Protein backbone atom coordinates (compact mmCIF):
# COMPACT_ATOMS: atom_id res chain seq x y z
CA MET A 1 41.12 2.45 11.68
CA THR A 2 40.86 -1.16 10.52
CA ARG A 3 37.33 -2.59 10.67
CA PRO A 4 36.78 -5.84 12.62
CA ILE A 5 37.18 -9.04 10.60
CA GLU A 6 33.47 -9.95 11.06
CA SER A 7 32.44 -6.62 9.50
CA GLN A 8 34.72 -7.25 6.53
CA THR A 9 33.32 -10.77 6.11
CA ASP A 10 29.75 -9.49 6.31
CA GLU A 11 30.45 -6.82 3.73
CA ALA A 12 32.04 -9.41 1.44
CA THR A 13 29.00 -11.66 1.83
CA ILE A 14 26.67 -8.78 0.99
CA ARG A 15 28.75 -7.93 -2.07
CA ASN A 16 28.69 -11.55 -3.30
CA GLU A 17 24.93 -11.82 -2.80
CA LEU A 18 24.35 -8.52 -4.58
CA GLU A 19 26.44 -9.59 -7.55
CA GLY A 20 24.45 -12.83 -7.64
CA TYR A 21 21.12 -10.98 -7.74
CA ILE A 22 22.37 -8.71 -10.52
CA LYS A 23 23.75 -11.58 -12.59
CA ALA A 24 20.53 -13.59 -12.21
CA SER A 25 18.53 -10.64 -13.51
CA GLY A 26 20.59 -10.49 -16.70
CA SER A 27 21.97 -7.03 -15.90
CA ASP A 28 25.61 -6.05 -16.32
CA VAL A 29 27.28 -6.77 -12.97
CA SER A 30 30.23 -4.42 -13.45
CA GLU A 31 28.05 -1.55 -14.57
CA GLN A 32 25.65 -1.95 -11.65
CA MET A 33 28.38 -2.40 -9.04
CA ARG A 34 30.02 0.86 -10.05
CA ARG A 35 27.13 2.56 -8.22
CA ALA A 36 28.41 1.16 -4.91
CA GLN A 37 30.80 4.00 -4.13
CA SER A 38 30.58 3.54 -0.35
CA THR A 39 29.67 0.88 2.18
CA MET A 40 26.26 2.49 2.62
CA ASP A 41 25.73 2.39 -1.16
CA LEU A 42 26.54 -1.32 -1.10
CA TYR A 43 23.99 -2.09 1.61
CA PHE A 44 21.37 0.15 0.00
CA MET A 45 21.74 -1.62 -3.34
CA HIS A 46 21.67 -4.99 -1.60
CA GLY A 47 18.43 -4.00 0.14
CA GLN A 48 16.86 -2.94 -3.14
CA TRP A 49 17.86 -6.12 -4.96
CA ALA A 50 16.84 -8.33 -2.04
CA CYS A 51 13.45 -6.65 -2.15
CA THR A 52 13.20 -7.23 -5.90
CA ASN A 53 13.78 -10.92 -5.19
CA ASP A 54 11.14 -10.99 -2.42
CA LEU A 55 13.61 -11.49 0.40
CA PRO A 56 12.22 -9.07 2.99
CA GLU A 57 14.34 -10.20 5.93
CA LYS A 58 17.56 -9.65 3.98
CA ALA A 59 16.28 -6.32 2.67
CA ILE A 60 15.32 -5.14 6.17
CA ARG A 61 18.73 -6.08 7.58
CA SER A 62 20.53 -4.20 4.83
CA PHE A 63 18.37 -1.09 5.15
CA LYS A 64 18.79 -1.10 8.93
CA THR A 65 22.56 -1.28 8.39
CA CYS A 66 22.21 1.81 6.18
CA LEU A 67 20.59 3.62 9.10
CA ARG A 68 23.71 2.98 11.18
CA PHE A 69 25.62 5.05 8.61
CA GLU A 70 22.91 7.66 8.11
CA PRO A 71 20.06 7.50 10.65
CA ASN A 72 18.29 10.47 9.07
CA ALA A 73 18.15 9.19 5.49
CA PRO A 74 14.51 9.62 4.35
CA ILE A 75 14.90 7.17 1.47
CA ILE A 76 15.83 4.37 3.89
CA HIS A 77 12.91 5.09 6.22
CA CYS A 78 10.61 5.17 3.14
CA ALA A 79 11.90 1.79 2.04
CA LEU A 80 11.42 0.21 5.46
CA SER A 81 7.96 1.71 5.81
CA ARG A 82 6.80 0.19 2.52
CA ILE A 83 8.33 -3.20 3.25
CA TYR A 84 6.61 -3.39 6.63
CA LEU A 85 3.34 -2.20 5.07
CA THR A 86 3.52 -4.93 2.42
CA ARG A 87 4.16 -7.50 5.17
CA GLY A 88 1.20 -6.26 7.20
CA ASP A 89 3.30 -4.92 10.10
CA LEU A 90 1.49 -1.60 10.49
CA ALA A 91 3.17 -0.54 13.73
CA LYS A 92 6.67 -0.65 12.25
CA ALA A 93 5.47 0.83 8.95
CA ASP A 94 3.90 3.69 10.91
CA ARG A 95 7.09 4.42 12.84
CA HIS A 96 9.22 4.78 9.71
CA ALA A 97 6.58 6.72 7.74
CA ARG A 98 6.27 9.22 10.60
CA ARG A 99 10.04 9.63 10.64
CA VAL A 100 9.95 10.56 6.96
CA LEU A 101 7.25 13.13 7.77
CA GLU A 102 9.68 14.72 10.21
CA LEU A 103 12.60 14.64 7.78
CA GLU A 104 10.74 15.45 4.54
CA PRO A 105 7.32 16.91 5.39
CA TYR A 106 6.54 17.54 1.70
CA ASN A 107 7.37 14.04 0.42
CA PHE A 108 4.01 13.44 -1.23
CA LYS A 109 4.32 9.70 -1.81
CA ASN A 110 5.14 9.27 1.87
CA ILE A 111 2.20 11.49 2.85
CA LEU A 112 -0.06 9.09 0.94
CA THR A 113 1.64 6.06 2.52
CA CYS A 114 1.42 7.54 5.99
CA HIS A 115 -2.25 8.44 5.48
CA LEU A 116 -2.97 4.85 4.43
CA ILE A 117 -1.19 3.44 7.50
CA VAL A 118 -2.76 5.89 9.96
CA SER A 119 -6.21 5.22 8.48
CA LYS A 120 -5.74 1.49 8.94
CA LEU A 121 -4.50 1.88 12.51
CA ASN A 122 -7.34 4.32 13.26
CA ARG A 123 -5.80 5.65 16.48
CA ASP A 124 -4.46 9.11 15.59
CA PRO A 125 -7.35 11.19 14.17
CA ARG A 126 -5.43 14.47 14.46
CA LEU A 127 -2.60 13.21 12.22
CA GLN A 128 -5.09 11.62 9.85
CA ASP A 129 -6.91 14.97 9.51
CA ARG A 130 -3.62 16.79 8.94
CA LEU A 131 -2.56 14.35 6.24
CA SER A 132 -6.00 14.50 4.59
CA LEU A 133 -5.78 18.30 4.50
CA SER A 134 -2.33 18.08 2.91
CA ILE A 135 -3.59 15.70 0.20
CA ARG A 136 -6.66 17.86 -0.56
CA SER A 137 -4.46 20.94 -0.72
CA ARG A 138 -2.12 19.23 -3.22
CA ILE A 139 -5.08 18.12 -5.36
CA ALA A 140 -6.47 21.67 -5.39
CA THR A 141 -3.08 23.18 -6.23
CA VAL A 142 -2.41 20.77 -9.09
CA ALA A 143 -5.94 21.10 -10.48
CA LYS A 144 -5.70 24.89 -10.45
CA SER A 145 -2.31 24.82 -12.18
CA LEU A 146 -3.80 22.58 -14.88
CA GLY A 147 -6.92 24.68 -15.34
CA THR A 148 -9.29 21.97 -14.09
CA THR A 149 -11.67 21.70 -11.16
CA ALA A 150 -10.44 19.79 -8.13
CA PRO A 151 -12.53 16.59 -7.88
CA ALA A 152 -13.85 15.06 -4.67
CA TRP A 153 -11.42 13.19 -2.43
CA PRO A 154 -11.73 10.82 -0.70
CA TRP A 155 -14.41 9.26 -2.85
CA GLY A 156 -17.60 9.03 -0.84
CA ARG A 157 -20.35 6.49 -1.49
CA HIS A 158 -22.17 9.01 -3.72
CA ASP A 159 -19.05 9.89 -5.71
CA VAL A 160 -17.93 6.41 -6.78
CA ALA A 161 -17.98 5.43 -10.43
CA SER A 162 -20.28 2.73 -11.80
CA ALA A 163 -17.52 0.06 -11.81
CA TRP A 164 -17.88 -0.21 -8.05
CA GLY A 165 -21.68 -0.45 -7.85
CA ASP A 166 -23.04 -3.61 -6.27
CA GLU A 167 -24.09 -5.39 -9.47
CA ALA A 168 -20.97 -4.41 -11.43
CA LEU A 169 -18.76 -5.36 -8.51
CA ARG A 170 -20.34 -8.80 -8.15
CA SER A 171 -19.84 -9.43 -11.85
CA ALA A 172 -16.20 -8.27 -11.71
CA CYS A 173 -15.51 -10.46 -8.67
CA ALA A 174 -16.89 -13.55 -10.41
CA GLU A 175 -15.00 -12.85 -13.65
CA PHE A 176 -11.75 -12.18 -11.81
CA LYS A 177 -12.04 -15.32 -9.71
CA ALA A 178 -12.68 -17.47 -12.78
CA ARG A 179 -10.21 -15.90 -15.23
CA LYS A 180 -7.71 -13.90 -13.12
CA PHE A 181 -8.68 -10.76 -15.03
CA ALA A 182 -11.76 -8.61 -15.39
CA VAL A 183 -12.86 -5.59 -17.41
CA LEU A 184 -14.22 -2.68 -15.37
CA ARG A 185 -16.29 0.07 -16.97
CA ASN A 186 -16.31 3.71 -15.83
CA VAL A 187 -13.71 3.26 -13.10
CA LEU A 188 -12.85 6.74 -11.79
CA PRO A 189 -15.52 9.10 -10.41
CA ALA A 190 -16.37 12.47 -11.89
CA GLY A 191 -13.44 14.82 -12.41
CA TRP A 192 -10.68 12.28 -11.92
CA PRO A 193 -10.23 11.09 -15.54
CA GLU A 194 -9.99 14.73 -16.61
CA LEU A 195 -7.46 15.55 -13.88
CA LEU A 196 -5.24 12.56 -14.74
CA ARG A 197 -5.39 13.37 -18.46
CA ALA A 198 -4.46 17.00 -17.78
CA GLU A 199 -1.60 15.99 -15.49
CA GLN A 200 -0.24 13.56 -18.07
CA SER A 201 -0.53 16.10 -20.92
CA GLU A 202 1.39 18.66 -18.85
CA LEU A 203 4.15 16.16 -18.03
CA LEU A 204 4.48 15.27 -21.70
CA ALA A 205 4.52 18.92 -22.81
CA ARG A 206 7.23 19.73 -20.26
CA GLY A 207 9.41 16.83 -21.41
CA ASN A 208 9.01 14.99 -18.11
CA MET A 209 8.08 11.66 -19.68
CA SER A 210 10.85 9.37 -20.92
CA LEU A 211 10.75 7.93 -24.45
CA GLU A 212 10.90 4.14 -24.72
CA THR A 213 11.87 3.89 -28.38
CA THR A 214 11.24 0.19 -29.03
CA MET A 215 7.69 0.38 -27.64
CA HIS A 216 6.90 3.78 -29.19
CA ARG A 217 5.70 5.31 -25.95
CA TYR A 218 6.49 7.97 -23.34
CA VAL A 219 6.36 7.02 -19.64
CA THR A 220 6.72 8.40 -16.14
CA VAL A 221 6.28 6.89 -12.68
CA ASP A 222 4.26 8.17 -9.70
CA ALA A 223 2.82 11.43 -11.01
CA PRO A 224 1.18 13.02 -7.95
CA MET A 225 -2.50 12.81 -8.98
CA ALA A 226 -2.08 9.35 -10.46
CA SER A 227 -0.57 8.29 -7.13
CA VAL A 228 -3.62 9.64 -5.28
CA ALA A 229 -5.89 7.59 -7.55
CA ASN A 230 -3.65 4.53 -7.05
CA TYR A 231 -3.97 4.77 -3.26
CA GLN A 232 -7.68 5.63 -3.28
CA ILE A 233 -8.67 2.76 -5.55
CA ALA A 234 -6.77 0.05 -3.62
CA SER A 235 -9.65 -0.86 -1.31
CA SER A 236 -11.96 -1.45 -4.28
CA VAL A 237 -9.34 -3.56 -6.02
CA ALA A 238 -9.03 -5.62 -2.83
CA ARG A 239 -12.77 -6.36 -2.99
CA VAL A 240 -12.48 -7.65 -6.56
CA ALA A 241 -9.36 -9.70 -5.79
CA GLY A 242 -10.81 -11.04 -2.55
CA GLN A 243 -7.66 -10.32 -0.56
CA GLY A 244 -5.89 -7.42 1.12
CA VAL A 245 -3.70 -5.29 -1.14
CA ILE A 246 -1.55 -2.19 -0.88
CA PRO A 247 -0.87 0.29 -3.71
CA THR A 248 2.67 0.17 -5.04
CA TYR A 249 3.15 2.55 -7.98
CA SER A 250 1.40 4.38 -10.80
CA PHE A 251 2.75 4.41 -14.33
CA ALA A 252 1.59 7.00 -16.89
CA ILE A 253 1.96 6.04 -20.55
CA HIS A 254 1.50 8.01 -23.78
CA TYR A 255 1.51 5.77 -26.86
CA VAL A 256 2.18 7.19 -30.31
CA ALA A 257 1.75 5.46 -33.68
CA ASN A 258 2.87 1.82 -33.48
CA GLY A 259 2.93 1.95 -29.68
CA HIS A 260 2.55 -1.60 -28.48
CA ILE A 261 3.36 -4.27 -25.90
CA LYS A 262 4.39 -7.75 -26.93
CA PRO A 263 2.67 -10.70 -25.17
CA HIS A 264 4.29 -11.20 -21.77
CA VAL A 265 3.71 -11.75 -18.06
CA ASP A 266 5.05 -9.38 -15.41
CA ARG A 267 7.64 -9.92 -12.69
CA PRO A 268 6.27 -11.50 -9.49
CA GLN A 269 6.04 -8.14 -7.69
CA ASN A 270 3.40 -6.98 -10.21
CA GLU A 271 0.79 -9.21 -8.62
CA LEU A 272 -2.17 -7.05 -9.50
CA SER A 273 -2.21 -4.39 -12.18
CA MET A 274 -4.92 -2.14 -13.53
CA SER A 275 -4.57 -0.74 -17.06
CA LEU A 276 -6.84 2.30 -17.22
CA SER A 277 -7.62 3.98 -20.54
CA LEU A 278 -7.52 7.76 -20.21
CA SER A 279 -7.90 9.11 -23.74
CA VAL A 280 -7.69 8.24 -27.42
CA THR A 281 -7.06 10.77 -30.18
CA PRO A 282 -8.65 11.53 -32.52
CA SER A 283 -11.73 11.26 -30.33
CA GLY A 284 -14.63 9.08 -31.32
CA ARG A 285 -12.58 6.11 -32.49
CA ASP A 286 -11.58 3.48 -29.96
CA VAL A 287 -8.09 2.14 -30.66
CA SER A 288 -7.15 1.26 -27.07
CA VAL A 289 -6.94 -2.47 -27.74
CA LEU A 290 -5.54 -4.74 -25.06
CA ARG A 291 -5.38 -8.52 -25.06
CA ALA A 292 -5.32 -10.75 -22.00
CA GLY A 293 -5.75 -14.37 -21.06
CA PRO A 294 -3.98 -17.65 -21.76
CA ALA A 295 -0.91 -17.26 -23.96
CA ASP A 296 -2.47 -19.21 -26.85
CA SER A 297 -5.92 -17.61 -26.74
CA MET A 298 -5.88 -14.06 -25.44
CA ASP A 299 -9.16 -12.13 -25.51
CA ARG A 300 -9.43 -8.85 -27.37
CA LEU A 301 -10.53 -6.16 -24.89
CA ASP A 302 -11.72 -2.82 -26.27
CA LEU A 303 -11.49 -0.17 -23.58
CA LYS A 304 -13.07 3.24 -23.86
CA PRO A 305 -11.71 6.13 -21.78
CA ASN A 306 -12.20 5.44 -18.06
CA ASP A 307 -12.52 1.68 -18.65
CA ALA A 308 -9.86 -0.61 -17.20
CA LEU A 309 -8.46 -4.11 -17.22
CA LEU A 310 -7.62 -5.51 -13.77
CA TYR A 311 -5.40 -8.59 -13.96
CA ARG A 312 -2.92 -10.76 -12.12
CA GLY A 313 0.16 -9.42 -13.88
CA ALA A 314 2.51 -12.30 -13.13
CA GLU A 315 -0.02 -14.95 -14.20
CA VAL A 316 -2.04 -13.51 -17.09
CA THR A 317 -0.41 -13.01 -20.49
CA HIS A 318 -1.22 -9.55 -21.79
CA SER A 319 -0.29 -7.37 -24.75
CA ARG A 320 -1.29 -4.29 -26.73
CA ASP A 321 -1.90 -4.20 -30.45
CA PRO A 322 0.03 -1.46 -32.31
CA VAL A 323 -1.63 1.93 -32.21
CA PRO A 324 -2.66 2.94 -35.77
CA GLY A 325 -0.95 5.84 -37.53
CA GLY A 326 -2.42 9.23 -36.72
CA HIS A 327 -3.58 8.11 -33.26
CA THR A 328 -2.31 8.38 -29.72
CA VAL A 329 -3.42 6.58 -26.57
CA ASP A 330 -3.01 7.76 -22.96
CA GLN A 331 -3.12 5.17 -20.22
CA ALA A 332 -2.46 4.87 -16.49
CA ILE A 333 -1.21 1.68 -14.87
CA PHE A 334 -1.90 1.16 -11.17
CA GLY A 335 0.11 -1.51 -9.35
CA PHE A 336 -0.87 -3.41 -6.20
CA ARG A 337 0.73 -6.02 -3.96
CA THR A 338 -1.06 -8.47 -1.71
CA VAL A 339 -0.27 -8.20 2.00
CA HIS A 340 1.86 -11.16 3.05
CA LYS A 341 4.83 -11.78 5.35
CA SER A 342 6.94 -13.10 2.48
CA HIS A 343 6.30 -10.08 0.24
CA CYS A 344 8.62 -7.15 -0.18
CA TYR A 345 8.13 -3.79 -1.81
CA CYS A 346 10.19 -0.67 -1.21
CA ILE A 347 10.19 1.56 -4.32
């Protein structure tokens, strides 16, 4: 059956816009477009690229079109939930997150997202309790598999690390407001640095971290326990930044000799980033050296394990000095996005 002319025109418009986004990013248009094997693929890719370009209305329209093809696609409901959450539309975010719970009850990133939304709405205590139990169960299971003790979650007022004490927090707020970055000492509460280190070591040993050759490092995105920490720490980050934020992604990194980052600023979506030092080997010698600040005068920031740099990623130039031979550095990056109608985040 021939599709109506308006559908063909709309599809052509979407294709042209998508190719424009890809070209503007510097990516190979032909290579990327080969992924669009169906009309749904085309709209899904368009939604992703529109989101990357902070065009939430276009992204929402494309993802909703995808639901006409496949109304039970969890990945589409996940995308819509996160876009609405970033825009501050909790009711719509809640609806799509709950749909993912029905379709994929063990989707852990969505469990965290749904818990965050339900907690903010504060009108479904039974679901909130169920989600909390699921998160605690996953923490206990992972900790046991790694041979560590499951740490407290959520972090109560007596569990928090010293970075979030009143005096330290006031100092961090003032530094961040003046310089757009701040160093935080002793960030994660007891048990959490050990759990994240163990999780990262296991991922590396199993070959589940990808090698980035030019930067001499191994990476992976959204490891389960790192994601829990990312979500849990968001409210404290919001206090330092002085504005509402949502967690976006966690990024585990294992640097080997000569591991480094050249001076750069991040893409606009990386509004707030936290670089947390997890471990340095051999122990006893601090080689986790970051630099941040104005491009022509970056500060040297020596971070010990469980210290972190919180910075406005798209505004503050940052880099890492090469890791010396015979050393390795493990780090976790936590990303955050401010809540705003014009903002878009779906992955």
